[in-house]
Amino acid sequence: MPDLTHIDEHGKARMVDVSGKEATRRVATAQAIITMQPETAHKICQNELAKGDALGVARIAGILAAKRVDELIPLCHSLPLSDVSVDFKVGDGQITITTSATTFAPTGVEMEALTAATVAALTIYDMAKAADKRMSIGGVHLVSKTGGKSGDFVWEK
């Protein structure tokens, strides 16, 4: 059987033992894009949605999601997050969500950053669905990561 990190010698799923790995500073940045009608983006920007401040609520949702990745994604480790940020760039008919997660730990924070971006996008959808049911979420990807044995990574288009 190939050397798969999340499979034991009997082919069963397992959590990877990271106790022997060195704790280092690790940072991951991720992105998601929610596309919508231009009028919907304008309403979100102007805080004119019936449900209130979509971006403020989405920011908190993304941060909370990053803190709970170990409860959402099987086999993920609990990590002591030292920082999570969720930022928005509102364009004509789309919002780009950029998230960042930081820890000092023996394993990376890619899943925390990706989950924060995705949940922030889902929250915007929930907050704005009464105004625009044709929104779509996509473009979820790791933008960059630093730290760890595998080294640094930067998404290049």
C-alpha atoms as a PDB file:
ATOM      1  CA  MET A   1       0.000   0.000   0.000  1.00  0.00           C
ATOM      2  CA  PRO A   2       1.349   3.461  -0.839  1.00  0.00           C
ATOM      3  CA  ASP A   3       2.580   5.599   2.037  1.00  0.00           C
ATOM      4  CA  LEU A   4      -0.624   7.536   2.719  1.00  0.00           C
ATOM      5  CA  THR A   5      -0.507   9.759   5.782  1.00  0.00           C
ATOM      6  CA  HIS A   6      -4.147   9.333   6.826  1.00  0.00           C
ATOM      7  CA  ILE A   7      -4.315   5.542   6.377  1.00  0.00           C
ATOM      8  CA  ASP A   8      -2.966   3.018   8.875  1.00  0.00           C
ATOM      9  CA  GLU A   9      -1.268  -0.275   7.970  1.00  0.00           C
ATOM     10  CA  HIS A  10      -4.703  -1.944   7.728  1.00  0.00           C
ATOM     11  CA  GLY A  11      -6.129   0.619   5.313  1.00  0.00           C
ATOM     12  CA  LYS A  12      -8.228   2.400   7.931  1.00  0.00           C
ATOM     13  CA  ALA A  13      -8.504   6.165   8.298  1.00  0.00           C
ATOM     14  CA  ARG A  14      -6.421   7.692  11.069  1.00  0.00           C
ATOM     15  CA  MET A  15      -5.306  11.042  12.339  1.00  0.00           C
ATOM     16  CA  VAL A  16      -1.675  11.812  11.546  1.00  0.00           C
ATOM     17  CA  ASP A  17       0.609  11.883  14.585  1.00  0.00           C
ATOM     18  CA  VAL A  18       2.325  15.287  14.491  1.00  0.00           C
ATOM     19  CA  SER A  19       3.883  15.013  17.958  1.00  0.00           C
ATOM     20  CA  GLY A  20       7.345  14.533  16.461  1.00  0.00           C
ATOM     21  CA  LYS A  21       7.123  17.546  14.186  1.00  0.00           C
ATOM     22  CA  GLU A  22       8.636  20.880  15.111  1.00  0.00           C
ATOM     23  CA  ALA A  23       6.222  23.673  15.937  1.00  0.00           C
ATOM     24  CA  THR A  24       6.822  26.639  13.648  1.00  0.00           C
ATOM     25  CA  ARG A  25       4.975  29.797  12.680  1.00  0.00           C
ATOM     26  CA  ARG A  26       2.565  28.938   9.898  1.00  0.00           C
ATOM     27  CA  VAL A  27       0.377  31.265   7.874  1.00  0.00           C
ATOM     28  CA  ALA A  28      -2.140  30.403   5.172  1.00  0.00           C
ATOM     29  CA  THR A  29      -4.179  32.707   2.960  1.00  0.00           C
ATOM     30  CA  ALA A  30      -7.232  31.582   0.989  1.00  0.00           C
ATOM     31  CA  GLN A  31      -9.807  33.117  -1.280  1.00  0.00           C
ATOM     32  CA  ALA A  32     -13.409  32.611  -2.394  1.00  0.00           C
ATOM     33  CA  ILE A  33     -15.559  34.591  -4.806  1.00  0.00           C
ATOM     34  CA  ILE A  34     -19.302  35.087  -4.611  1.00  0.00           C
ATOM     35  CA  THR A  35     -20.870  36.350  -7.825  1.00  0.00           C
ATOM     36  CA  MET A  36     -24.196  38.172  -7.858  1.00  0.00           C
ATOM     37  CA  GLN A  37     -26.240  40.813  -9.618  1.00  0.00           C
ATOM     38  CA  PRO A  38     -24.518  44.234  -9.485  1.00  0.00           C
ATOM     39  CA  GLU A  39     -27.525  45.633  -7.584  1.00  0.00           C
ATOM     40  CA  THR A  40     -27.044  42.993  -4.888  1.00  0.00           C
ATOM     41  CA  ALA A  41     -23.365  43.886  -4.474  1.00  0.00           C
ATOM     42  CA  HIS A  42     -24.407  47.534  -4.172  1.00  0.00           C
ATOM     43  CA  LYS A  43     -27.003  46.712  -1.497  1.00  0.00           C
ATOM     44  CA  ILE A  44     -24.420  44.714   0.447  1.00  0.00           C
ATOM     45  CA  CYS A  45     -21.889  47.540   0.193  1.00  0.00           C
ATOM     46  CA  GLN A  46     -24.418  50.130   1.301  1.00  0.00           C
ATOM     47  CA  ASN A  47     -25.717  47.910   4.121  1.00  0.00           C
ATOM     48  CA  GLU A  48     -29.215  47.954   2.587  1.00  0.00           C
ATOM     49  CA  LEU A  49     -30.126  44.272   2.981  1.00  0.00           C
ATOM     50  CA  ALA A  50     -33.168  43.383   5.063  1.00  0.00           C
ATOM     51  CA  LYS A  51     -31.014  41.057   7.198  1.00  0.00           C
ATOM     52  CA  GLY A  52     -28.473  43.760   7.991  1.00  0.00           C
ATOM     53  CA  ASP A  53     -24.698  44.025   7.745  1.00  0.00           C
ATOM     54  CA  ALA A  54     -23.793  41.050   5.521  1.00  0.00           C
ATOM     55  CA  LEU A  55     -20.062  41.728   5.465  1.00  0.00           C
ATOM     56  CA  GLY A  56     -19.815  42.216   9.224  1.00  0.00           C
ATOM     57  CA  VAL A  57     -21.729  39.024   9.907  1.00  0.00           C
ATOM     58  CA  ALA A  58     -19.707  37.137   7.253  1.00  0.00           C
ATOM     59  CA  ARG A  59     -16.442  38.300   8.832  1.00  0.00           C
ATOM     60  CA  ILE A  60     -17.467  36.925  12.232  1.00  0.00           C
ATOM     61  CA  ALA A  61     -18.772  33.699  10.643  1.00  0.00           C
ATOM     62  CA  GLY A  62     -15.464  33.165   8.844  1.00  0.00           C
ATOM     63  CA  ILE A  63     -13.447  33.696  12.017  1.00  0.00           C
ATOM     64  CA  LEU A  64     -15.681  31.337  13.994  1.00  0.00           C
ATOM     65  CA  ALA A  65     -15.468  28.709  11.235  1.00  0.00           C
ATOM     66  CA  ALA A  66     -11.658  28.818  11.258  1.00  0.00           C
ATOM     67  CA  LYS A  67     -11.721  28.214  15.009  1.00  0.00           C
ATOM     68  CA  ARG A  68     -13.904  25.106  14.536  1.00  0.00           C
ATOM     69  CA  VAL A  69     -12.224  23.329  11.619  1.00  0.00           C
ATOM     70  CA  ASP A  70     -11.322  20.349  13.791  1.00  0.00           C
ATOM     71  CA  GLU A  71     -15.065  19.830  14.388  1.00  0.00           C
ATOM     72  CA  LEU A  72     -15.982  20.180  10.714  1.00  0.00           C
ATOM     73  CA  ILE A  73     -13.244  18.388   8.765  1.00  0.00           C
ATOM     74  CA  PRO A  74     -12.526  14.794   9.830  1.00  0.00           C
ATOM     75  CA  LEU A  75      -8.971  14.107  11.009  1.00  0.00           C
ATOM     76  CA  CYS A  76      -7.956  17.794  11.244  1.00  0.00           C
ATOM     77  CA  HIS A  77      -5.950  18.733  14.306  1.00  0.00           C
ATOM     78  CA  SER A  78      -7.083  21.329  16.822  1.00  0.00           C
ATOM     79  CA  LEU A  79      -4.817  24.325  16.367  1.00  0.00           C
ATOM     80  CA  PRO A  80      -4.119  27.295  18.625  1.00  0.00           C
ATOM     81  CA  LEU A  81      -4.911  30.085  16.195  1.00  0.00           C
ATOM     82  CA  SER A  82      -3.110  33.317  16.952  1.00  0.00           C
ATOM     83  CA  ASP A  83      -4.833  35.316  14.213  1.00  0.00           C
ATOM     84  CA  VAL A  84      -7.638  34.995  11.670  1.00  0.00           C
ATOM     85  CA  SER A  85      -8.568  37.763   9.263  1.00  0.00           C
ATOM     86  CA  VAL A  86     -11.437  37.989   6.785  1.00  0.00           C
ATOM     87  CA  ASP A  87     -11.395  40.794   4.210  1.00  0.00           C
ATOM     88  CA  PHE A  88     -13.699  41.712   1.338  1.00  0.00           C
ATOM     89  CA  LYS A  89     -13.223  43.405  -2.018  1.00  0.00           C
ATOM     90  CA  VAL A  90     -16.574  44.369  -3.487  1.00  0.00           C
ATOM     91  CA  GLY A  91     -16.651  44.699  -7.255  1.00  0.00           C
ATOM     92  CA  ASP A  92     -19.358  45.087  -9.860  1.00  0.00           C
ATOM     93  CA  GLY A  93     -21.334  41.900  -9.333  1.00  0.00           C
ATOM     94  CA  GLN A  94     -18.915  40.012  -7.141  1.00  0.00           C
ATOM     95  CA  ILE A  95     -17.255  39.967  -3.758  1.00  0.00           C
ATOM     96  CA  THR A  96     -13.787  38.508  -3.338  1.00  0.00           C
ATOM     97  CA  ILE A  97     -13.205  37.132   0.145  1.00  0.00           C
ATOM     98  CA  THR A  98      -9.611  36.824   1.313  1.00  0.00           C
ATOM     99  CA  THR A  99      -8.846  35.107   4.581  1.00  0.00           C
ATOM    100  CA  SER A 100      -5.679  34.471   6.525  1.00  0.00           C
ATOM    101  CA  ALA A 101      -4.975  32.163   9.455  1.00  0.00           C
ATOM    102  CA  THR A 102      -1.854  32.109  11.623  1.00  0.00           C
ATOM    103  CA  THR A 103      -0.605  29.629  14.208  1.00  0.00           C
ATOM    104  CA  PHE A 104       2.557  28.414  15.900  1.00  0.00           C
ATOM    105  CA  ALA A 105       2.095  24.663  15.683  1.00  0.00           C
ATOM    106  CA  PRO A 106       3.450  21.400  14.221  1.00  0.00           C
ATOM    107  CA  THR A 107       0.910  21.399  11.364  1.00  0.00           C
ATOM    108  CA  GLY A 108      -0.438  23.937   8.895  1.00  0.00           C
ATOM    109  CA  VAL A 109      -3.486  26.192   8.794  1.00  0.00           C
ATOM    110  CA  GLU A 110      -4.570  25.775   5.175  1.00  0.00           C
ATOM    111  CA  MET A 111      -7.890  24.191   6.134  1.00  0.00           C
ATOM    112  CA  GLU A 112      -8.623  27.001   8.584  1.00  0.00           C
ATOM    113  CA  ALA A 113      -8.095  29.691   5.934  1.00  0.00           C
ATOM    114  CA  LEU A 114     -10.075  27.756   3.289  1.00  0.00           C
ATOM    115  CA  THR A 115     -12.951  27.077   5.684  1.00  0.00           C
ATOM    116  CA  ALA A 116     -13.072  30.727   6.766  1.00  0.00           C
ATOM    117  CA  ALA A 117     -13.340  31.869   3.132  1.00  0.00           C
ATOM    118  CA  THR A 118     -16.026  29.323   2.295  1.00  0.00           C
ATOM    119  CA  VAL A 119     -18.186  29.980   5.358  1.00  0.00           C
ATOM    120  CA  ALA A 120     -17.885  33.745   4.865  1.00  0.00           C
ATOM    121  CA  ALA A 121     -19.162  33.283   1.295  1.00  0.00           C
ATOM    122  CA  LEU A 122     -22.014  31.067   2.477  1.00  0.00           C
ATOM    123  CA  THR A 123     -22.954  33.686   5.055  1.00  0.00           C
ATOM    124  CA  ILE A 124     -23.110  36.414   2.419  1.00  0.00           C
ATOM    125  CA  TYR A 125     -25.324  34.116   0.366  1.00  0.00           C
ATOM    126  CA  ASP A 126     -27.611  33.556   3.345  1.00  0.00           C
ATOM    127  CA  MET A 127     -27.799  37.255   4.159  1.00  0.00           C
ATOM    128  CA  ALA A 128     -28.549  38.272   0.547  1.00  0.00           C
ATOM    129  CA  LYS A 129     -30.599  35.338  -0.815  1.00  0.00           C
ATOM    130  CA  ALA A 130     -33.892  37.249  -0.486  1.00  0.00           C
ATOM    131  CA  ALA A 131     -32.486  39.884  -2.860  1.00  0.00           C
ATOM    132  CA  ASP A 132     -30.724  37.529  -5.307  1.00  0.00           C
ATOM    133  CA  LYS A 133     -31.221  33.782  -5.572  1.00  0.00           C
ATOM    134  CA  ARG A 134     -28.851  33.508  -8.551  1.00  0.00           C
ATOM    135  CA  MET A 135     -25.675  34.101  -6.553  1.00  0.00           C
ATOM    136  CA  SER A 136     -22.894  31.572  -6.999  1.00  0.00           C
ATOM    137  CA  ILE A 137     -19.853  30.716  -4.920  1.00  0.00           C
ATOM    138  CA  GLY A 138     -16.622  29.597  -6.539  1.00  0.00           C
ATOM    139  CA  GLY A 139     -12.939  30.170  -6.949  1.00  0.00           C
ATOM    140  CA  VAL A 140     -12.142  28.734  -3.522  1.00  0.00           C
ATOM    141  CA  HIS A 141      -8.406  28.138  -3.365  1.00  0.00           C
ATOM    142  CA  LEU A 142      -5.270  28.414  -1.280  1.00  0.00           C
ATOM    143  CA  VAL A 143      -3.504  31.658  -2.197  1.00  0.00           C
ATOM    144  CA  SER A 144      -0.339  31.060  -0.184  1.00  0.00           C
ATOM    145  CA  LYS A 145       1.144  29.297   2.799  1.00  0.00           C
ATOM    146  CA  THR A 146       4.352  29.601   4.758  1.00  0.00           C
ATOM    147  CA  GLY A 147       6.066  27.385   7.296  1.00  0.00           C
ATOM    148  CA  GLY A 148       6.332  23.681   7.741  1.00  0.00           C
ATOM    149  CA  LYS A 149       8.319  20.857   6.183  1.00  0.00           C
ATOM    150  CA  SER A 150       6.815  21.244   2.716  1.00  0.00           C
ATOM    151  CA  GLY A 151       7.945  24.878   2.553  1.00  0.00           C
ATOM    152  CA  ASP A 152       6.233  27.913   1.131  1.00  0.00           C
ATOM    153  CA  PHE A 153       3.568  27.917  -1.565  1.00  0.00           C
ATOM    154  CA  VAL A 154       2.156  30.736  -3.696  1.00  0.00           C
ATOM    155  CA  TRP A 155      -0.737  30.289  -6.132  1.00  0.00           C
ATOM    156  CA  GLU A 156       0.312  31.493  -9.544  1.00  0.00           C
ATOM    157  CA  LYS A 157      -2.297  32.039 -12.232  1.00  0.00           C
END
